[in-house]
C-alpha cells in the first residue's frame, strides 16, 4: 500500500477529493556510503537514499573537504606567489 508523505517525510492521510490538482515528482535514489569512504563498498556501509537526503547526509563531510581544499590552495599560493592577499 502506498503512503502519502509530506516534505519532511511524515505520513499524511491521502486527499479525499480527486478534484484537487495533484503534483507528481520523480524520486531518484542514489547509493550513499555511510562512512563517507568511497572505497568501502561493504553491503552494511551502503544505503539507497533520495538525492536530497544523500546531499544532507554528506553536507558535513563536504564542508570539511572544502575547508581542506581552500587551505591547500592558499598554501600553494603562498609558496609560489607570496602571502595570500584577501580582497
N, C-alpha and C. Protein backbone atom coordinates (compact mmCIF):
# COMPACT_ATOMS: atom_id res chain seq x y z
N UNK A 1 0.84 -1.19 0.00
CA UNK A 1 0.00 0.00 0.00
C UNK A 1 0.87 1.24 0.00
N UNK A 2 0.53 2.22 -0.83
CA UNK A 2 1.30 3.45 -0.91
C UNK A 2 0.94 4.37 0.25
N UNK A 3 1.91 5.15 0.68
CA UNK A 3 1.71 6.07 1.78
C UNK A 3 1.97 7.49 1.31
N UNK A 4 1.10 8.40 1.66
CA UNK A 4 1.29 9.81 1.35
C UNK A 4 2.23 10.39 2.39
N UNK A 5 3.20 11.20 1.94
CA UNK A 5 4.16 11.80 2.87
C UNK A 5 4.31 13.29 2.56
N UNK A 6 4.59 14.06 3.61
CA UNK A 6 4.84 15.49 3.43
C UNK A 6 6.31 15.68 3.07
N UNK A 7 6.73 16.93 2.88
CA UNK A 7 8.10 17.22 2.52
C UNK A 7 9.11 16.77 3.55
N UNK A 8 8.71 16.66 4.81
CA UNK A 8 9.60 16.21 5.88
C UNK A 8 9.59 14.69 6.01
N UNK A 9 8.81 13.99 5.19
CA UNK A 9 8.78 12.54 5.23
C UNK A 9 7.76 11.95 6.18
N UNK A 10 6.95 12.79 6.83
CA UNK A 10 5.96 12.27 7.76
C UNK A 10 4.72 11.79 7.00
N UNK A 11 4.07 10.78 7.54
CA UNK A 11 2.89 10.22 6.89
C UNK A 11 1.72 11.18 6.92
N UNK A 12 0.98 11.21 5.83
CA UNK A 12 -0.23 12.03 5.72
C UNK A 12 -1.38 11.16 5.29
N UNK A 13 -2.59 11.64 5.56
CA UNK A 13 -3.75 10.95 5.01
C UNK A 13 -3.90 11.36 3.55
N UNK A 14 -4.29 10.46 2.68
CA UNK A 14 -4.48 10.83 1.28
C UNK A 14 -5.65 11.80 1.14
N UNK A 15 -5.60 12.68 0.14
CA UNK A 15 -6.72 13.60 -0.05
C UNK A 15 -7.98 12.83 -0.46
N UNK A 16 -9.12 13.29 0.03
CA UNK A 16 -10.37 12.59 -0.26
C UNK A 16 -10.98 13.01 -1.59
N UNK A 17 -10.63 14.18 -2.04
CA UNK A 17 -11.20 14.68 -3.28
C UNK A 17 -10.22 14.49 -4.43
N UNK A 18 -10.72 14.00 -5.55
CA UNK A 18 -9.86 13.87 -6.74
C UNK A 18 -9.98 15.10 -7.63
N UNK A 19 -10.75 16.10 -7.21
CA UNK A 19 -10.90 17.32 -7.99
C UNK A 19 -9.65 18.20 -7.85
N UNK A 20 -8.99 18.13 -6.71
CA UNK A 20 -7.80 18.94 -6.49
C UNK A 20 -6.68 18.52 -7.43
N UNK A 21 -5.93 19.47 -7.95
CA UNK A 21 -4.80 19.08 -8.82
C UNK A 21 -3.73 18.37 -8.01
N UNK A 22 -3.19 17.35 -8.57
CA UNK A 22 -2.16 16.56 -7.89
C UNK A 22 -0.82 16.87 -8.52
N UNK A 23 0.20 16.98 -7.70
CA UNK A 23 1.54 17.21 -8.19
C UNK A 23 2.33 15.92 -8.07
N UNK A 24 2.95 15.53 -9.15
CA UNK A 24 3.79 14.34 -9.13
C UNK A 24 5.23 14.75 -9.29
N UNK A 25 6.08 14.11 -8.56
CA UNK A 25 7.50 14.35 -8.69
C UNK A 25 8.21 13.01 -8.82
N UNK A 26 9.27 13.02 -9.58
CA UNK A 26 10.08 11.81 -9.69
C UNK A 26 11.07 11.78 -8.54
N UNK A 27 11.25 10.63 -7.98
CA UNK A 27 12.21 10.46 -6.90
C UNK A 27 13.33 9.58 -7.43
N UNK A 28 14.56 10.09 -7.32
CA UNK A 28 15.73 9.34 -7.77
C UNK A 28 16.51 8.88 -6.54
N UNK A 29 16.90 7.63 -6.57
CA UNK A 29 17.70 7.08 -5.48
C UNK A 29 19.17 7.11 -5.87
N UNK A 30 20.01 7.33 -4.89
CA UNK A 30 21.44 7.27 -5.11
C UNK A 30 22.05 6.43 -4.00
N UNK A 31 23.18 5.83 -4.30
CA UNK A 31 23.85 4.98 -3.32
C UNK A 31 24.76 5.84 -2.46
N UNK A 32 24.59 5.71 -1.16
CA UNK A 32 25.32 6.53 -0.20
C UNK A 32 26.28 5.66 0.60
N UNK A 33 27.54 6.12 0.73
CA UNK A 33 28.49 5.45 1.61
C UNK A 33 28.30 6.05 3.01
N UNK A 34 27.86 5.25 3.94
CA UNK A 34 27.52 5.75 5.27
C UNK A 34 28.72 6.29 6.03
N UNK A 35 29.93 5.75 5.76
CA UNK A 35 31.13 6.23 6.46
C UNK A 35 31.91 7.24 5.62
N UNK A 36 31.35 7.69 4.52
CA UNK A 36 31.93 8.70 3.62
C UNK A 36 33.21 8.21 2.95
N UNK A 37 33.47 6.92 2.93
CA UNK A 37 34.66 6.37 2.29
C UNK A 37 34.22 5.65 1.01
N UNK A 38 34.49 6.24 -0.16
CA UNK A 38 34.02 5.64 -1.42
C UNK A 38 34.69 4.30 -1.74
N UNK A 39 35.77 3.95 -1.06
CA UNK A 39 36.43 2.68 -1.32
C UNK A 39 35.82 1.55 -0.49
N UNK A 40 35.04 1.88 0.53
CA UNK A 40 34.42 0.87 1.39
C UNK A 40 33.04 0.54 0.81
N UNK A 41 32.99 -0.52 0.01
CA UNK A 41 31.74 -0.91 -0.64
C UNK A 41 31.08 -2.12 0.03
N UNK A 42 31.31 -2.28 1.31
CA UNK A 42 30.66 -3.36 2.04
C UNK A 42 29.14 -3.10 2.07
N UNK A 43 28.37 -4.16 2.02
CA UNK A 43 26.91 -4.03 1.97
C UNK A 43 26.35 -3.25 3.15
N UNK A 44 26.95 -3.42 4.33
CA UNK A 44 26.43 -2.72 5.51
C UNK A 44 26.87 -1.25 5.56
N UNK A 45 27.70 -0.83 4.59
CA UNK A 45 28.13 0.57 4.53
C UNK A 45 27.38 1.35 3.46
N UNK A 46 26.56 0.68 2.67
CA UNK A 46 25.84 1.32 1.58
C UNK A 46 24.36 1.47 1.92
N UNK A 47 23.78 2.58 1.48
CA UNK A 47 22.35 2.80 1.68
C UNK A 47 21.79 3.49 0.44
N UNK A 48 20.57 3.16 0.08
CA UNK A 48 19.88 3.82 -1.02
C UNK A 48 19.08 4.98 -0.44
N UNK A 49 19.48 6.20 -0.79
CA UNK A 49 18.81 7.40 -0.28
C UNK A 49 18.32 8.24 -1.45
N UNK A 50 17.27 9.02 -1.17
CA UNK A 50 16.85 10.01 -2.15
C UNK A 50 17.99 11.00 -2.33
N UNK A 51 18.07 11.66 -3.49
CA UNK A 51 19.18 12.56 -3.74
C UNK A 51 19.28 13.65 -2.68
N UNK A 52 18.16 14.22 -2.29
CA UNK A 52 18.17 15.29 -1.29
C UNK A 52 18.69 14.78 0.05
N UNK A 53 18.24 13.61 0.44
CA UNK A 53 18.71 13.02 1.71
C UNK A 53 20.20 12.70 1.64
N UNK A 54 20.66 12.25 0.47
CA UNK A 54 22.08 11.94 0.28
C UNK A 54 22.92 13.20 0.44
N UNK A 55 22.49 14.30 -0.16
CA UNK A 55 23.22 15.57 -0.04
C UNK A 55 23.23 16.03 1.41
N UNK A 56 22.10 15.93 2.10
CA UNK A 56 22.04 16.33 3.51
C UNK A 56 22.95 15.45 4.37
N UNK A 57 23.00 14.16 4.08
CA UNK A 57 23.85 13.24 4.83
C UNK A 57 25.32 13.58 4.64
N UNK A 58 25.70 13.98 3.42
CA UNK A 58 27.10 14.26 3.11
C UNK A 58 27.52 15.70 3.37
N UNK A 59 26.60 16.59 3.72
CA UNK A 59 26.92 18.01 3.87
C UNK A 59 28.07 18.28 4.84
N UNK A 60 28.09 17.71 6.04
CA UNK A 60 29.22 17.99 6.94
C UNK A 60 30.57 17.55 6.35
N UNK A 61 30.58 16.40 5.69
CA UNK A 61 31.82 15.91 5.07
C UNK A 61 32.24 16.83 3.93
N UNK A 62 31.28 17.30 3.13
CA UNK A 62 31.61 18.21 2.02
C UNK A 62 32.18 19.52 2.55
N UNK A 63 31.62 20.04 3.65
CA UNK A 63 32.15 21.28 4.24
C UNK A 63 33.59 21.07 4.73
N UNK A 64 33.84 19.92 5.35
CA UNK A 64 35.18 19.62 5.86
C UNK A 64 36.18 19.52 4.70
N UNK A 65 35.81 18.81 3.64
CA UNK A 65 36.71 18.67 2.49
C UNK A 65 36.94 20.00 1.79
N UNK A 66 35.91 20.84 1.73
CA UNK A 66 36.06 22.15 1.10
C UNK A 66 37.06 22.99 1.89
N UNK A 67 36.98 22.95 3.21
CA UNK A 67 37.91 23.72 4.04
C UNK A 67 39.34 23.27 3.81
N UNK A 68 39.57 21.96 3.70
CA UNK A 68 40.91 21.44 3.44
C UNK A 68 41.39 21.90 2.07
N UNK A 69 40.53 21.86 1.07
CA UNK A 69 40.91 22.28 -0.28
C UNK A 69 41.27 23.76 -0.30
N UNK A 70 40.49 24.60 0.37
CA UNK A 70 40.77 26.04 0.40
C UNK A 70 42.12 26.28 1.06
N UNK A 71 42.40 25.61 2.17
CA UNK A 71 43.70 25.78 2.86
C UNK A 71 44.85 25.32 1.98
N UNK A 72 44.67 24.22 1.27
CA UNK A 72 45.73 23.71 0.40
C UNK A 72 46.00 24.69 -0.74
N UNK A 73 44.95 25.25 -1.33
CA UNK A 73 45.15 26.22 -2.42
C UNK A 73 45.84 27.47 -1.91
N UNK A 74 45.48 27.93 -0.73
CA UNK A 74 46.14 29.11 -0.17
C UNK A 74 47.60 28.82 0.12
N UNK A 75 47.88 27.62 0.62
CA UNK A 75 49.27 27.25 0.91
C UNK A 75 50.09 27.21 -0.37
N UNK A 76 49.53 26.68 -1.45
CA UNK A 76 50.24 26.66 -2.73
C UNK A 76 50.47 28.07 -3.24
N UNK A 77 49.48 28.94 -3.07
CA UNK A 77 49.64 30.33 -3.48
C UNK A 77 50.73 31.02 -2.68
N UNK A 78 50.76 30.77 -1.36
CA UNK A 78 51.79 31.36 -0.50
C UNK A 78 53.18 30.87 -0.92
N UNK A 79 53.26 29.61 -1.30
CA UNK A 79 54.54 29.01 -1.65
C UNK A 79 55.11 29.64 -2.92
N UNK A 80 54.25 29.86 -3.91
CA UNK A 80 54.74 30.32 -5.20
C UNK A 80 54.53 31.81 -5.46
N UNK A 81 53.56 32.44 -4.81
CA UNK A 81 53.23 33.82 -5.11
C UNK A 81 53.35 34.75 -3.91
N UNK A 82 53.78 34.26 -2.78
CA UNK A 82 53.88 35.09 -1.59
C UNK A 82 52.62 34.96 -0.75
N UNK A 83 52.52 35.68 0.38
CA UNK A 83 51.36 35.56 1.28
C UNK A 83 50.04 35.85 0.56
N UNK A 84 49.02 35.12 0.97
CA UNK A 84 47.68 35.27 0.38
C UNK A 84 47.12 36.65 0.74
N UNK A 85 46.61 37.34 -0.24
CA UNK A 85 46.03 38.65 -0.04
C UNK A 85 44.51 38.55 -0.16
N UNK A 86 43.79 38.84 0.90
CA UNK A 86 42.33 38.85 0.83
C UNK A 86 41.88 40.19 0.28
N UNK A 87 40.91 40.14 -0.61
CA UNK A 87 40.38 41.39 -1.19
C UNK A 87 39.24 41.92 -0.40
